[in-house]
Amino acid sequence: MTEPIVIEGLVKTYKGGFRAVDNLSLTVPRKGFVGFLGPNGAGKTTTIKMATNMLTVTSGHIYINGVDAVEQPKKALAEIGAVVETPEFYPYLTPMETLEYLGKLRGMSSADIKRRSKDVIELVKMEEFKDKRIGQFSKGMKQRIAIAQAVLHEPSIIILDEPTSGLDPRGMFEVRQILNDLKKADFTVFMSSHMLNEVQEVCTHAYLINRGRLVKSGLVSDLINETKAKKIEVRVSNPIGPEMTATLANTLNLKGLFVNGPYQFTFDVIGGDEEQAKALLDLQAAGLNIVSFKESGVALETFYMSLIAETR
């Protein structure tokens, strides 16, 4: 096997018969940035924990650079750097001390630790804080240190479990900048997420799962082209109050409705020009004075939710 990650017939069953991962098979292409996408409870973290030997496999195989991670976990995991769930570090250590400690645990030489620590601190844009105590850091800053330790030993594969989960908008922006830098580097990245816009922004490929089963996979660009759902941005001259919001959501049943100000909202239209024209007429008939009505991109989330509905 030449691909960095190959999963074949993977199953995880818990006591009581609950199957969190259900005969999952997928292949991660070399140097791809793969978004492993699904709602909470879809089986993403369970799959990642099995791939990183944090959970036992009920049945199936996981191959890392051709090595069976179930039978030879130590050898398989040597080429992996991972951030799984919320990272925690010794609060009294600095980022540089933490990297030195983790580098020694991995068997790296002092020279390599010193060289790589400088490189990865620059990668995650933490030079200003490299000698500060981690206990003073925000969650976003800790996440950046977590990514730094994941790439410290120069692995060929990076596995990230929802790296922006729980971060404030600034933290999410900073981590996504780092993810885009990883995308340009010589890594294969396998990243779980439940946020479609994140996958659309940083990933080259997407694997969509629900209830532990693969629903759809392919290039992000192909999935975008496949969806017929468009996001529409509307600006009006009369304020959108609670009553009008209820009309838009319940009477007109607008998909993906998001009111982002007293005079602006977005929603999704499935179809082409005729469907958009009908939606415009419906909004005017509801009493809205339309100033602008335009496409603002594809509604990948509506497409995804339709796939999820088919698997229920």
Protein backbone atom coordinates (compact mmCIF):
# COMPACT_ATOMS: atom_id res chain seq x y z
CA MET A 1 0.00 0.00 0.00
CA THR A 2 1.41 3.38 -1.04
CA GLU A 3 -1.25 5.68 0.42
CA PRO A 4 -0.53 7.14 3.88
CA ILE A 5 -3.83 6.10 5.52
CA VAL A 6 -6.00 3.19 4.41
CA ILE A 7 -8.99 2.12 6.51
CA GLU A 8 -10.72 -1.15 5.63
CA GLY A 9 -14.00 -2.39 7.12
CA LEU A 10 -13.42 -0.59 10.41
CA VAL A 11 -15.91 -1.36 13.18
CA LYS A 12 -16.16 -0.17 16.77
CA THR A 13 -18.89 -1.69 18.92
CA TYR A 14 -19.40 -0.82 22.58
CA LYS A 15 -21.06 -2.82 25.31
CA GLY A 16 -24.80 -3.03 24.74
CA GLY A 17 -24.33 -3.37 21.01
CA PHE A 18 -23.96 0.30 20.10
CA ARG A 19 -21.93 0.54 16.90
CA ALA A 20 -20.08 3.87 16.77
CA VAL A 21 -18.17 3.04 13.58
CA ASP A 22 -19.90 0.78 11.08
CA ASN A 23 -17.79 -0.96 8.40
CA LEU A 24 -15.94 2.22 7.48
CA SER A 25 -13.51 2.13 4.54
CA LEU A 26 -11.58 5.07 3.13
CA THR A 27 -8.21 6.04 1.69
CA VAL A 28 -6.38 9.29 2.42
CA PRO A 29 -4.30 10.46 -0.57
CA ARG A 30 -0.65 11.39 -0.07
CA LYS A 31 -0.13 15.09 0.62
CA GLY A 32 -3.88 15.61 0.64
CA PHE A 33 -5.64 17.74 3.23
CA VAL A 34 -8.68 15.64 4.05
CA GLY A 35 -11.69 16.89 5.98
CA PHE A 36 -13.36 14.09 7.93
CA LEU A 37 -16.77 15.63 8.21
CA GLY A 38 -19.83 14.73 10.24
CA PRO A 39 -22.22 15.91 12.95
CA ASN A 40 -21.44 15.35 16.62
CA GLY A 41 -21.77 11.63 17.34
CA ALA A 42 -21.08 10.56 13.75
CA GLY A 43 -18.01 8.51 14.74
CA LYS A 44 -15.22 10.93 13.83
CA THR A 45 -13.34 10.99 17.15
CA THR A 46 -13.86 7.26 17.63
CA THR A 47 -12.24 6.59 14.25
CA ILE A 48 -9.33 8.92 15.03
CA LYS A 49 -8.79 7.32 18.46
CA MET A 50 -8.60 3.89 16.83
CA ALA A 51 -6.18 5.21 14.20
CA THR A 52 -3.93 6.60 16.96
CA ASN A 53 -4.20 3.48 19.16
CA MET A 54 -6.23 5.23 21.87
CA LEU A 55 -9.13 2.82 21.40
CA THR A 56 -9.13 -0.86 20.51
CA VAL A 57 -10.58 -1.89 17.16
CA THR A 58 -13.56 -4.27 17.20
CA SER A 59 -12.80 -5.43 13.65
CA GLY A 60 -11.22 -4.14 10.46
CA HIS A 61 -7.82 -2.69 9.61
CA ILE A 62 -6.03 0.66 9.66
CA TYR A 63 -2.84 0.93 7.61
CA ILE A 64 -0.40 3.79 8.16
CA ASN A 65 2.12 3.99 5.31
CA GLY A 66 1.42 0.30 4.70
CA VAL A 67 1.90 -0.75 8.33
CA ASP A 68 -1.05 -2.35 10.12
CA ALA A 69 -1.73 0.00 13.05
CA VAL A 70 -3.77 -2.69 14.83
CA GLU A 71 -0.98 -5.29 14.77
CA GLN A 72 2.07 -2.98 14.87
CA PRO A 73 0.89 0.25 16.54
CA LYS A 74 4.32 1.52 17.65
CA LYS A 75 5.80 1.22 14.16
CA ALA A 76 2.71 2.67 12.49
CA LEU A 77 2.43 5.65 14.82
CA ALA A 78 6.07 6.68 14.42
CA GLU A 79 5.07 8.62 11.28
CA ILE A 80 2.06 10.33 12.86
CA GLY A 81 1.67 13.61 14.72
CA ALA A 82 -1.73 14.06 16.35
CA VAL A 83 -3.95 16.44 18.28
CA VAL A 84 -6.91 14.55 19.72
CA GLU A 85 -9.62 16.35 21.70
CA THR A 86 -8.75 19.26 24.02
CA PRO A 87 -4.98 19.60 24.53
CA GLU A 88 -3.61 20.02 28.04
CA PHE A 89 -0.04 20.85 29.08
CA TYR A 90 1.86 21.36 32.31
CA PRO A 91 0.90 24.98 33.15
CA TYR A 92 4.25 25.85 34.75
CA LEU A 93 6.24 24.99 31.60
CA THR A 94 6.88 27.31 28.66
CA PRO A 95 6.23 26.28 25.05
CA MET A 96 9.96 25.73 24.51
CA GLU A 97 10.27 23.63 27.69
CA THR A 98 7.20 21.64 26.67
CA LEU A 99 8.60 20.91 23.23
CA GLU A 100 11.93 19.87 24.75
CA TYR A 101 10.16 17.51 27.15
CA LEU A 102 7.98 15.96 24.43
CA GLY A 103 10.89 15.73 22.02
CA LYS A 104 12.91 13.72 24.57
CA LEU A 105 9.93 11.42 25.11
CA ARG A 106 9.95 10.75 21.37
CA GLY A 107 13.67 9.96 21.43
CA MET A 108 14.79 13.03 19.49
CA SER A 109 18.34 14.33 19.91
CA SER A 110 18.98 17.63 21.69
CA ALA A 111 20.18 19.20 18.44
CA ASP A 112 17.04 18.11 16.57
CA ILE A 113 14.79 19.33 19.38
CA LYS A 114 16.46 22.75 19.37
CA ARG A 115 16.27 23.07 15.56
CA ARG A 116 12.70 21.82 15.24
CA SER A 117 11.38 23.76 18.25
CA LYS A 118 12.43 27.02 16.60
CA ASP A 119 10.79 25.98 13.31
CA VAL A 120 7.48 24.84 14.78
CA ILE A 121 7.15 27.84 17.10
CA GLU A 122 7.47 30.02 13.99
CA LEU A 123 4.94 27.83 12.15
CA VAL A 124 2.29 28.38 14.84
CA LYS A 125 3.22 32.05 15.25
CA MET A 126 4.12 31.82 18.94
CA GLU A 127 7.60 33.39 18.92
CA GLU A 128 6.43 36.21 21.20
CA PHE A 129 5.19 33.71 23.81
CA LYS A 130 7.79 30.94 23.58
CA ASP A 131 9.19 31.67 27.06
CA LYS A 132 5.88 32.42 28.81
CA ARG A 133 4.14 29.94 31.14
CA ILE A 134 1.45 27.93 29.34
CA GLY A 135 -0.87 28.33 32.33
CA GLN A 136 -1.38 31.95 31.22
CA PHE A 137 -2.45 30.96 27.70
CA SER A 138 -5.90 31.07 26.11
CA LYS A 139 -7.43 27.92 24.65
CA GLY A 140 -6.50 29.08 21.16
CA MET A 141 -2.86 29.56 22.15
CA LYS A 142 -2.78 26.09 23.71
CA GLN A 143 -4.19 24.67 20.50
CA ARG A 144 -1.36 26.27 18.55
CA ILE A 145 1.17 24.67 20.91
CA ALA A 146 -0.64 21.35 20.41
CA ILE A 147 -0.17 21.64 16.65
CA ALA A 148 3.49 22.56 17.20
CA GLN A 149 4.15 19.39 19.21
CA ALA A 150 2.32 17.31 16.60
CA VAL A 151 4.76 18.34 13.86
CA LEU A 152 7.87 18.54 16.08
CA HIS A 153 9.31 15.16 15.06
CA GLU A 154 8.68 15.80 11.33
CA PRO A 155 6.00 13.16 10.79
CA SER A 156 4.63 12.58 7.30
CA ILE A 157 1.02 12.41 8.56
CA ILE A 158 -0.85 14.88 10.77
CA ILE A 159 -4.14 13.84 12.41
CA LEU A 160 -6.25 16.60 13.94
CA ASP A 161 -9.51 16.12 15.85
CA GLU A 162 -11.68 19.23 15.45
CA PRO A 163 -8.77 21.67 15.95
CA THR A 164 -10.98 24.80 16.15
CA SER A 165 -13.67 23.33 18.43
CA GLY A 166 -14.54 25.58 21.36
CA LEU A 167 -12.39 28.50 20.21
CA ASP A 168 -13.58 32.09 20.01
CA PRO A 169 -13.67 33.74 16.53
CA ARG A 170 -10.13 35.11 16.87
CA GLY A 171 -8.77 31.72 17.98
CA MET A 172 -10.54 29.98 15.10
CA PHE A 173 -9.07 32.46 12.61
CA GLU A 174 -5.55 32.01 13.97
CA VAL A 175 -5.72 28.21 13.93
CA ARG A 176 -7.16 28.20 10.39
CA GLN A 177 -4.22 30.32 9.26
CA ILE A 178 -1.92 27.61 10.62
CA LEU A 179 -3.99 24.90 8.90
CA ASN A 180 -3.54 26.72 5.59
CA ASP A 181 0.22 26.83 6.23
CA LEU A 182 0.19 23.06 6.89
CA LYS A 183 -1.67 22.63 3.61
CA LYS A 184 1.27 24.25 1.78
CA ALA A 185 3.84 22.09 3.60
CA ASP A 186 4.93 18.53 2.90
CA PHE A 187 2.32 16.80 5.07
CA THR A 188 -0.65 14.53 4.64
CA VAL A 189 -3.38 15.94 6.91
CA PHE A 190 -6.47 14.08 8.15
CA MET A 191 -8.71 16.49 10.07
CA SER A 192 -12.10 15.86 11.61
CA SER A 193 -14.63 18.68 11.75
CA HIS A 194 -18.35 19.30 11.97
CA MET A 195 -17.99 22.76 10.39
CA LEU A 196 -18.60 22.79 6.65
CA ASN A 197 -17.18 26.25 6.06
CA GLU A 198 -13.92 25.16 7.71
CA VAL A 199 -13.61 22.11 5.45
CA GLN A 200 -14.52 24.18 2.42
CA GLU A 201 -11.85 26.76 3.32
CA VAL A 202 -8.83 24.57 4.10
CA CYS A 203 -9.35 21.03 2.73
CA THR A 204 -8.65 19.49 -0.66
CA HIS A 205 -10.80 16.40 -0.04
CA ALA A 206 -13.83 15.68 2.12
CA TYR A 207 -15.17 12.42 3.55
CA LEU A 208 -18.69 12.82 4.91
CA ILE A 209 -19.85 10.31 7.52
CA ASN A 210 -23.02 9.76 9.52
CA ARG A 211 -23.74 7.11 12.15
CA GLY A 212 -20.29 5.63 11.60
CA ARG A 213 -20.81 5.08 7.87
CA LEU A 214 -19.30 6.83 4.87
CA VAL A 215 -21.96 8.90 3.10
CA LYS A 216 -19.97 10.74 0.43
CA SER A 217 -16.36 11.38 -0.49
CA GLY A 218 -14.38 13.27 -3.09
CA LEU A 219 -12.58 16.48 -3.90
CA VAL A 220 -14.08 19.48 -2.13
CA SER A 221 -14.30 21.23 -5.51
CA ASP A 222 -16.30 18.32 -6.95
CA LEU A 223 -18.70 18.29 -3.99
CA ILE A 224 -19.23 22.02 -4.41
CA ASN A 225 -19.96 21.56 -8.12
CA GLU A 226 -22.37 18.73 -7.35
CA THR A 227 -24.57 20.68 -5.00
CA LYS A 228 -27.46 22.59 -6.53
CA ALA A 229 -27.99 24.61 -3.36
CA LYS A 230 -26.95 28.26 -3.50
CA LYS A 231 -26.62 30.67 -0.61
CA ILE A 232 -28.55 33.90 -1.22
CA GLU A 233 -27.72 37.19 0.48
CA VAL A 234 -30.60 39.63 0.87
CA ARG A 235 -30.58 43.27 1.95
CA VAL A 236 -33.82 45.11 2.71
CA SER A 237 -34.87 48.67 3.57
CA ASN A 238 -37.48 47.82 6.22
CA PRO A 239 -36.25 46.27 9.50
CA ILE A 240 -36.58 42.52 10.05
CA GLY A 241 -38.31 42.07 13.39
CA PRO A 242 -39.29 38.88 15.26
CA GLU A 243 -42.61 38.62 13.38
CA MET A 244 -40.93 38.80 9.97
CA THR A 245 -38.24 36.36 11.07
CA ALA A 246 -40.97 33.89 12.05
CA THR A 247 -42.62 34.38 8.65
CA LEU A 248 -39.35 33.70 6.83
CA ALA A 249 -38.62 30.60 8.90
CA ASN A 250 -42.09 29.08 9.27
CA THR A 251 -44.41 30.41 6.55
CA LEU A 252 -41.88 30.64 3.73
CA ASN A 253 -39.82 27.78 5.23
CA LEU A 254 -36.50 29.23 4.07
CA LYS A 255 -33.65 26.72 4.33
CA GLY A 256 -30.48 27.75 6.13
CA LEU A 257 -31.98 31.08 7.27
CA PHE A 258 -29.56 33.34 9.12
CA VAL A 259 -30.55 36.89 10.08
CA ASN A 260 -27.28 38.77 10.52
CA GLY A 261 -28.63 42.27 11.13
CA PRO A 262 -31.83 44.32 11.11
CA TYR A 263 -31.61 44.78 7.34
CA GLN A 264 -29.81 41.67 6.10
CA PHE A 265 -30.21 37.90 6.04
CA THR A 266 -29.07 34.86 4.09
CA PHE A 267 -30.84 31.67 3.12
CA ASP A 268 -30.40 28.70 0.78
CA VAL A 269 -32.15 27.97 -2.50
CA ILE A 270 -32.05 24.50 -4.04
CA GLY A 271 -32.31 24.75 -7.81
CA GLY A 272 -31.61 27.27 -10.53
CA ASP A 273 -32.92 30.59 -11.81
CA GLU A 274 -36.60 29.68 -11.59
CA GLU A 275 -36.33 28.71 -7.94
CA GLN A 276 -34.45 31.90 -7.16
CA ALA A 277 -37.04 34.00 -8.98
CA LYS A 278 -39.85 32.35 -7.02
CA ALA A 279 -38.04 32.97 -3.73
CA LEU A 280 -37.64 36.66 -4.62
CA LEU A 281 -41.37 36.99 -5.40
CA ASP A 282 -42.28 35.22 -2.15
CA LEU A 283 -40.13 37.63 -0.12
CA GLN A 284 -41.71 40.64 -1.80
CA ALA A 285 -45.20 39.21 -1.24
CA ALA A 286 -44.35 38.82 2.46
CA GLY A 287 -43.84 42.60 2.67
CA LEU A 288 -40.08 42.98 2.39
CA ASN A 289 -38.62 45.88 0.40
CA ILE A 290 -35.70 44.21 -1.37
CA VAL A 291 -32.64 46.38 -1.94
CA SER A 292 -30.36 43.58 -3.16
CA PHE A 293 -30.76 39.85 -3.78
CA LYS A 294 -27.64 37.97 -4.87
CA GLU A 295 -25.80 34.65 -4.73
CA SER A 296 -22.98 34.57 -2.18
CA GLY A 297 -21.66 31.06 -2.79
CA VAL A 298 -22.76 27.45 -2.63
CA ALA A 299 -24.79 26.14 0.30
CA LEU A 300 -22.65 23.08 1.03
CA GLU A 301 -24.39 22.65 4.39
CA THR A 302 -27.81 22.20 2.77
CA PHE A 303 -26.32 19.61 0.42
CA TYR A 304 -24.70 17.82 3.35
CA MET A 305 -27.88 17.77 5.43
CA SER A 306 -29.77 16.27 2.51
CA LEU A 307 -27.22 13.44 2.40
CA ILE A 308 -27.53 12.95 6.16
CA ALA A 309 -31.32 12.76 5.86
CA GLU A 310 -31.00 9.97 3.28
CA THR A 311 -29.06 7.79 5.75
CA ARG A 312 -31.48 8.10 8.68
